[in-house]
N, C-alpha and C. Protein backbone atom coordinates (compact mmCIF):
# COMPACT_ATOMS: atom_id res chain seq x y z
N MET A 1 -6.82 26.19 -14.60
CA MET A 1 -5.79 25.23 -14.96
C MET A 1 -5.17 24.61 -13.70
N VAL A 2 -5.16 25.30 -12.60
CA VAL A 2 -4.58 24.77 -11.37
C VAL A 2 -5.25 23.46 -10.98
N HIS A 3 -6.58 23.36 -11.12
CA HIS A 3 -7.26 22.17 -10.77
C HIS A 3 -6.83 20.98 -11.62
N PHE A 4 -6.62 21.23 -12.89
CA PHE A 4 -6.16 20.20 -13.78
C PHE A 4 -4.82 19.67 -13.35
N CYS A 5 -3.89 20.57 -13.06
CA CYS A 5 -2.54 20.16 -12.66
C CYS A 5 -2.58 19.38 -11.35
N THR A 6 -3.35 19.82 -10.39
CA THR A 6 -3.47 19.12 -9.10
C THR A 6 -4.08 17.72 -9.34
N ALA A 7 -5.11 17.65 -10.14
CA ALA A 7 -5.74 16.36 -10.42
C ALA A 7 -4.77 15.43 -11.15
N LEU A 8 -4.01 15.97 -12.06
CA LEU A 8 -3.04 15.19 -12.81
C LEU A 8 -2.00 14.58 -11.87
N TRP A 9 -1.51 15.36 -10.94
CA TRP A 9 -0.55 14.89 -9.95
C TRP A 9 -1.16 13.78 -9.09
N TYR A 10 -2.41 14.00 -8.66
CA TYR A 10 -3.09 13.02 -7.84
C TYR A 10 -3.35 11.73 -8.59
N ILE A 11 -3.74 11.86 -9.84
CA ILE A 11 -3.99 10.64 -10.64
C ILE A 11 -2.73 9.83 -10.85
N PHE A 12 -1.61 10.49 -11.09
CA PHE A 12 -0.36 9.79 -11.22
C PHE A 12 -0.05 8.99 -9.97
N GLY A 13 -0.13 9.66 -8.80
CA GLY A 13 0.16 9.00 -7.54
C GLY A 13 -0.77 7.82 -7.24
N LEU A 14 -2.05 8.02 -7.50
CA LEU A 14 -3.02 6.99 -7.29
C LEU A 14 -2.75 5.81 -8.18
N ARG A 15 -2.49 6.05 -9.44
CA ARG A 15 -2.24 4.99 -10.39
C ARG A 15 -1.04 4.14 -9.92
N LEU A 16 -0.02 4.71 -9.45
CA LEU A 16 1.17 3.98 -9.02
C LEU A 16 0.93 3.21 -7.70
N THR A 17 0.30 3.81 -6.74
CA THR A 17 0.12 3.16 -5.46
C THR A 17 -0.86 1.97 -5.56
N ARG A 18 -1.76 2.01 -6.53
CA ARG A 18 -2.74 0.93 -6.65
C ARG A 18 -2.12 -0.31 -7.25
N THR A 19 -0.92 -0.24 -7.78
CA THR A 19 -0.32 -1.41 -8.43
C THR A 19 0.67 -2.12 -7.56
N ILE A 20 0.75 -1.81 -6.26
CA ILE A 20 1.73 -2.43 -5.37
C ILE A 20 1.44 -3.91 -5.21
N PHE A 21 0.18 -4.32 -4.95
CA PHE A 21 -0.13 -5.71 -4.76
C PHE A 21 -1.13 -6.13 -5.84
N THR A 22 -0.61 -6.72 -6.87
CA THR A 22 -1.45 -7.24 -7.94
C THR A 22 -1.23 -8.75 -8.11
N GLY A 23 -2.24 -9.40 -8.64
CA GLY A 23 -2.13 -10.83 -8.80
C GLY A 23 -2.30 -11.54 -7.48
N ASP A 24 -2.00 -12.84 -7.48
CA ASP A 24 -2.13 -13.66 -6.27
C ASP A 24 -1.02 -13.27 -5.27
N GLN A 25 -1.42 -13.26 -4.00
CA GLN A 25 -0.49 -12.90 -2.92
C GLN A 25 -0.64 -13.91 -1.80
N ILE A 26 0.27 -13.85 -0.81
CA ILE A 26 0.20 -14.65 0.38
C ILE A 26 -0.39 -13.81 1.47
N CYS A 27 -1.43 -14.26 2.15
CA CYS A 27 -2.01 -13.52 3.26
C CYS A 27 -1.00 -13.37 4.35
N VAL A 28 -0.78 -12.15 4.78
CA VAL A 28 0.22 -11.88 5.81
C VAL A 28 -0.10 -12.54 7.13
N TRP A 29 -1.41 -12.75 7.43
CA TRP A 29 -1.77 -13.33 8.73
C TRP A 29 -2.01 -14.83 8.71
N SER A 30 -2.61 -15.37 7.64
CA SER A 30 -2.92 -16.79 7.63
C SER A 30 -1.88 -17.60 6.82
N GLY A 31 -1.17 -16.98 5.94
CA GLY A 31 -0.24 -17.69 5.07
C GLY A 31 -0.90 -18.32 3.87
N ALA A 32 -2.20 -18.17 3.74
CA ALA A 32 -2.95 -18.75 2.64
C ALA A 32 -2.70 -17.94 1.34
N LEU A 33 -2.80 -18.66 0.20
CA LEU A 33 -2.77 -18.00 -1.09
C LEU A 33 -4.11 -17.25 -1.30
N ILE A 34 -3.99 -16.00 -1.62
CA ILE A 34 -5.22 -15.23 -1.88
C ILE A 34 -5.21 -14.69 -3.30
N HIS A 35 -6.35 -14.81 -3.96
CA HIS A 35 -6.50 -14.31 -5.28
C HIS A 35 -6.90 -12.84 -5.24
N GLN A 36 -6.62 -12.13 -6.31
CA GLN A 36 -6.84 -10.68 -6.37
C GLN A 36 -8.23 -10.27 -5.91
N ASN A 37 -9.28 -11.02 -6.32
CA ASN A 37 -10.65 -10.63 -5.97
C ASN A 37 -11.04 -10.97 -4.54
N ASP A 38 -10.16 -11.70 -3.81
CA ASP A 38 -10.46 -12.02 -2.38
C ASP A 38 -9.49 -11.29 -1.44
N MET A 39 -8.76 -10.28 -1.96
CA MET A 39 -7.76 -9.65 -1.19
C MET A 39 -8.16 -8.31 -0.64
N ASP A 40 -7.80 -8.02 0.62
CA ASP A 40 -7.89 -6.71 1.20
C ASP A 40 -6.48 -6.24 1.53
N ILE A 41 -6.36 -4.96 1.73
CA ILE A 41 -5.11 -4.40 2.22
C ILE A 41 -5.32 -4.06 3.68
N ASP A 42 -4.55 -4.68 4.53
CA ASP A 42 -4.68 -4.52 5.96
C ASP A 42 -3.65 -3.54 6.50
N HIS A 43 -4.05 -2.76 7.46
CA HIS A 43 -3.12 -1.90 8.23
C HIS A 43 -2.58 -2.73 9.38
N ILE A 44 -1.24 -2.93 9.44
CA ILE A 44 -0.67 -3.62 10.60
C ILE A 44 -1.09 -2.93 11.86
N LEU A 45 -0.81 -1.64 11.90
CA LEU A 45 -1.36 -0.78 12.98
C LEU A 45 -2.62 -0.16 12.40
N PRO A 46 -3.77 -0.53 12.95
CA PRO A 46 -5.03 -0.05 12.35
C PRO A 46 -5.09 1.46 12.20
N TYR A 47 -5.70 1.90 11.12
CA TYR A 47 -5.82 3.28 10.79
C TYR A 47 -6.55 4.03 11.93
N SER A 48 -7.49 3.34 12.58
CA SER A 48 -8.25 3.99 13.68
C SER A 48 -7.36 4.24 14.91
N VAL A 49 -6.22 3.53 14.99
CA VAL A 49 -5.29 3.70 16.09
C VAL A 49 -4.23 4.75 15.72
N TRP A 50 -3.72 4.65 14.48
CA TRP A 50 -2.67 5.56 14.05
C TRP A 50 -2.93 5.86 12.59
N PHE A 51 -3.18 7.05 12.22
CA PHE A 51 -3.55 7.45 10.86
C PHE A 51 -2.34 7.38 9.95
N ASN A 52 -2.01 6.13 9.52
CA ASN A 52 -0.78 5.90 8.78
C ASN A 52 -1.07 5.00 7.60
N ASN A 53 -0.81 5.52 6.39
CA ASN A 53 -0.96 4.76 5.16
C ASN A 53 0.38 4.51 4.50
N ASP A 54 1.47 4.55 5.25
CA ASP A 54 2.77 4.28 4.69
C ASP A 54 2.80 2.82 4.20
N LEU A 55 3.67 2.61 3.19
CA LEU A 55 3.70 1.26 2.61
C LEU A 55 4.01 0.15 3.58
N TRP A 56 4.88 0.43 4.56
CA TRP A 56 5.24 -0.63 5.53
C TRP A 56 4.05 -1.07 6.35
N ASN A 57 3.04 -0.21 6.50
CA ASN A 57 1.87 -0.50 7.31
C ASN A 57 0.73 -1.16 6.51
N LEU A 58 0.91 -1.35 5.23
CA LEU A 58 -0.15 -1.88 4.37
C LEU A 58 0.29 -3.25 3.82
N LEU A 59 -0.49 -4.28 4.17
CA LEU A 59 -0.10 -5.62 3.72
C LEU A 59 -1.35 -6.37 3.23
N PRO A 60 -1.15 -7.29 2.28
CA PRO A 60 -2.28 -8.04 1.72
C PRO A 60 -2.77 -9.09 2.71
N THR A 61 -4.06 -9.19 2.77
CA THR A 61 -4.68 -10.19 3.65
C THR A 61 -5.97 -10.71 3.02
N GLU A 62 -6.45 -11.80 3.53
CA GLU A 62 -7.73 -12.35 3.04
C GLU A 62 -8.85 -11.38 3.44
N ARG A 63 -9.71 -11.08 2.52
CA ARG A 63 -10.80 -10.12 2.76
C ARG A 63 -11.65 -10.53 3.97
N ASN A 64 -12.07 -11.81 3.99
CA ASN A 64 -12.94 -12.29 5.08
C ASN A 64 -12.24 -12.17 6.43
N LEU A 65 -11.00 -12.56 6.49
CA LEU A 65 -10.23 -12.47 7.73
C LEU A 65 -10.10 -11.03 8.20
N ASN A 66 -9.80 -10.16 7.27
CA ASN A 66 -9.60 -8.72 7.61
C ASN A 66 -10.90 -8.06 8.08
N GLN A 67 -11.99 -8.32 7.37
CA GLN A 67 -13.21 -7.61 7.63
C GLN A 67 -14.02 -8.20 8.80
N LYS A 68 -13.88 -9.51 9.04
CA LYS A 68 -14.72 -10.13 10.03
C LYS A 68 -13.98 -10.53 11.32
N LYS A 69 -12.66 -10.74 11.25
CA LYS A 69 -11.93 -11.17 12.42
C LYS A 69 -11.00 -10.09 12.95
N LYS A 70 -10.07 -9.61 12.10
CA LYS A 70 -9.11 -8.64 12.58
C LYS A 70 -9.71 -7.28 12.80
N LYS A 71 -10.46 -6.81 11.83
CA LYS A 71 -11.14 -5.50 11.86
C LYS A 71 -10.11 -4.43 12.23
N ASP A 72 -10.40 -3.67 13.29
CA ASP A 72 -9.52 -2.55 13.74
C ASP A 72 -8.67 -2.97 14.95
N LYS A 73 -8.32 -4.25 15.04
CA LYS A 73 -7.55 -4.70 16.17
C LYS A 73 -6.05 -4.77 15.75
N ILE A 74 -5.21 -4.66 16.76
CA ILE A 74 -3.78 -4.89 16.54
C ILE A 74 -3.56 -6.40 16.75
N SER A 75 -2.82 -7.00 15.85
CA SER A 75 -2.55 -8.44 15.95
C SER A 75 -1.73 -8.75 17.20
N THR A 76 -1.88 -9.99 17.71
CA THR A 76 -1.14 -10.36 18.91
C THR A 76 0.36 -10.45 18.62
N ARG A 77 1.13 -10.36 19.67
CA ARG A 77 2.58 -10.50 19.60
C ARG A 77 2.91 -11.89 18.99
N GLU A 78 2.19 -12.91 19.43
CA GLU A 78 2.44 -14.27 18.92
C GLU A 78 2.24 -14.37 17.43
N LEU A 79 1.15 -13.78 16.93
CA LEU A 79 0.87 -13.82 15.51
C LEU A 79 1.91 -13.07 14.71
N ILE A 80 2.25 -11.89 15.23
CA ILE A 80 3.28 -11.07 14.51
C ILE A 80 4.61 -11.81 14.47
N THR A 81 4.99 -12.45 15.57
CA THR A 81 6.23 -13.21 15.62
C THR A 81 6.16 -14.41 14.65
N LYS A 82 5.07 -15.09 14.66
CA LYS A 82 4.85 -16.29 13.76
C LYS A 82 4.96 -15.87 12.32
N ARG A 83 4.43 -14.71 11.95
CA ARG A 83 4.35 -14.31 10.54
C ARG A 83 5.44 -13.29 10.17
N ALA A 84 6.46 -13.14 11.04
CA ALA A 84 7.52 -12.14 10.86
C ALA A 84 8.24 -12.27 9.51
N ASP A 85 8.54 -13.47 9.05
CA ASP A 85 9.25 -13.62 7.76
C ASP A 85 8.41 -13.06 6.62
N THR A 86 7.12 -13.31 6.60
CA THR A 86 6.24 -12.79 5.57
C THR A 86 6.15 -11.27 5.66
N ILE A 87 6.00 -10.75 6.84
CA ILE A 87 5.92 -9.31 7.06
C ILE A 87 7.20 -8.63 6.51
N VAL A 88 8.36 -9.17 6.87
CA VAL A 88 9.61 -8.60 6.46
C VAL A 88 9.80 -8.70 4.94
N ASP A 89 9.37 -9.83 4.36
CA ASP A 89 9.41 -9.95 2.90
C ASP A 89 8.60 -8.83 2.22
N TYR A 90 7.39 -8.59 2.74
CA TYR A 90 6.56 -7.51 2.16
C TYR A 90 7.22 -6.14 2.40
N TRP A 91 7.87 -5.95 3.57
CA TRP A 91 8.53 -4.69 3.83
C TRP A 91 9.64 -4.44 2.84
N HIS A 92 10.42 -5.52 2.48
CA HIS A 92 11.46 -5.37 1.48
C HIS A 92 10.84 -4.97 0.13
N HIS A 93 9.75 -5.62 -0.24
CA HIS A 93 9.04 -5.31 -1.45
C HIS A 93 8.54 -3.86 -1.42
N SER A 94 8.01 -3.44 -0.30
CA SER A 94 7.50 -2.05 -0.16
C SER A 94 8.60 -1.05 -0.26
N GLN A 95 9.79 -1.35 0.29
CA GLN A 95 10.91 -0.41 0.18
C GLN A 95 11.32 -0.24 -1.28
N LEU A 96 11.35 -1.35 -2.03
CA LEU A 96 11.67 -1.26 -3.45
C LEU A 96 10.63 -0.41 -4.19
N ILE A 97 9.35 -0.67 -3.90
CA ILE A 97 8.30 0.13 -4.55
C ILE A 97 8.43 1.59 -4.14
N LYS A 98 8.73 1.85 -2.88
CA LYS A 98 8.87 3.22 -2.39
C LYS A 98 9.99 3.93 -3.14
N ASN A 99 11.10 3.26 -3.37
CA ASN A 99 12.20 3.83 -4.13
C ASN A 99 11.76 4.18 -5.57
N ILE A 100 11.03 3.26 -6.18
CA ILE A 100 10.55 3.49 -7.55
C ILE A 100 9.55 4.65 -7.55
N LEU A 101 8.67 4.70 -6.55
CA LEU A 101 7.67 5.80 -6.48
C LEU A 101 8.38 7.13 -6.28
N ASN A 102 9.40 7.18 -5.44
CA ASN A 102 10.12 8.43 -5.22
C ASN A 102 10.75 8.94 -6.51
N LEU A 103 11.38 8.05 -7.29
CA LEU A 103 12.01 8.40 -8.51
C LEU A 103 10.91 8.86 -9.51
N THR A 104 9.83 8.13 -9.57
CA THR A 104 8.75 8.49 -10.49
C THR A 104 8.13 9.81 -10.10
N LYS A 105 7.93 10.06 -8.82
CA LYS A 105 7.33 11.33 -8.42
C LYS A 105 8.23 12.46 -8.75
N LYS A 106 9.55 12.30 -8.71
CA LYS A 106 10.45 13.39 -9.14
C LYS A 106 10.31 13.66 -10.61
N LEU A 107 10.14 12.60 -11.38
CA LEU A 107 9.92 12.80 -12.86
C LEU A 107 8.56 13.46 -13.09
N GLU A 108 7.53 13.03 -12.36
CA GLU A 108 6.22 13.59 -12.52
C GLU A 108 6.17 15.04 -12.07
N LEU A 109 6.92 15.39 -10.99
CA LEU A 109 6.97 16.73 -10.52
C LEU A 109 7.56 17.64 -11.60
N THR A 110 8.63 17.18 -12.21
CA THR A 110 9.24 17.93 -13.33
C THR A 110 8.24 18.14 -14.44
N PHE A 111 7.47 17.12 -14.82
CA PHE A 111 6.43 17.19 -15.83
C PHE A 111 5.37 18.22 -15.37
N TYR A 112 4.93 18.09 -14.13
CA TYR A 112 3.91 18.95 -13.54
C TYR A 112 4.34 20.40 -13.61
N ILE A 113 5.55 20.69 -13.16
CA ILE A 113 6.09 22.08 -13.17
C ILE A 113 6.13 22.60 -14.57
N ASN A 114 6.64 21.78 -15.50
CA ASN A 114 6.72 22.23 -16.90
C ASN A 114 5.35 22.45 -17.48
N LEU A 115 4.42 21.59 -17.20
CA LEU A 115 3.05 21.75 -17.75
C LEU A 115 2.39 23.02 -17.18
N CYS A 116 2.50 23.21 -15.86
CA CYS A 116 1.84 24.37 -15.24
C CYS A 116 2.53 25.70 -15.58
N SER A 117 3.80 25.65 -15.85
CA SER A 117 4.50 26.90 -16.18
C SER A 117 4.18 27.36 -17.62
N LYS A 118 3.66 26.48 -18.43
CA LYS A 118 3.28 26.84 -19.79
C LYS A 118 1.86 27.46 -19.89
N VAL A 119 1.16 27.42 -18.80
CA VAL A 119 -0.24 27.92 -18.77
C VAL A 119 -0.26 29.37 -18.54
């Protein structure tokens, strides 16, 4: 039963984090409108440089731009400065989502504890 409870906790977390960027978004680097099927989630600080999947480090970008141009590079100071308003807007959005996730995880943890204690 332990495996079931662990998987249930993981599934809840995965389900919530996958809904952060849905629908059309603005590419953080180009400013272009991107449709859901053309979107990648970019690490501002590449994962290969710093193993960080925090919400502030994950932003929507055009798939082609992310996979073929930016790759595992850190964006230039000029580009970050130019796109600062968009980055900050996404950070505000991410903080709101983080607050919702924290509340939801507390509720899920209560459910998880109750479920596992009945086994």
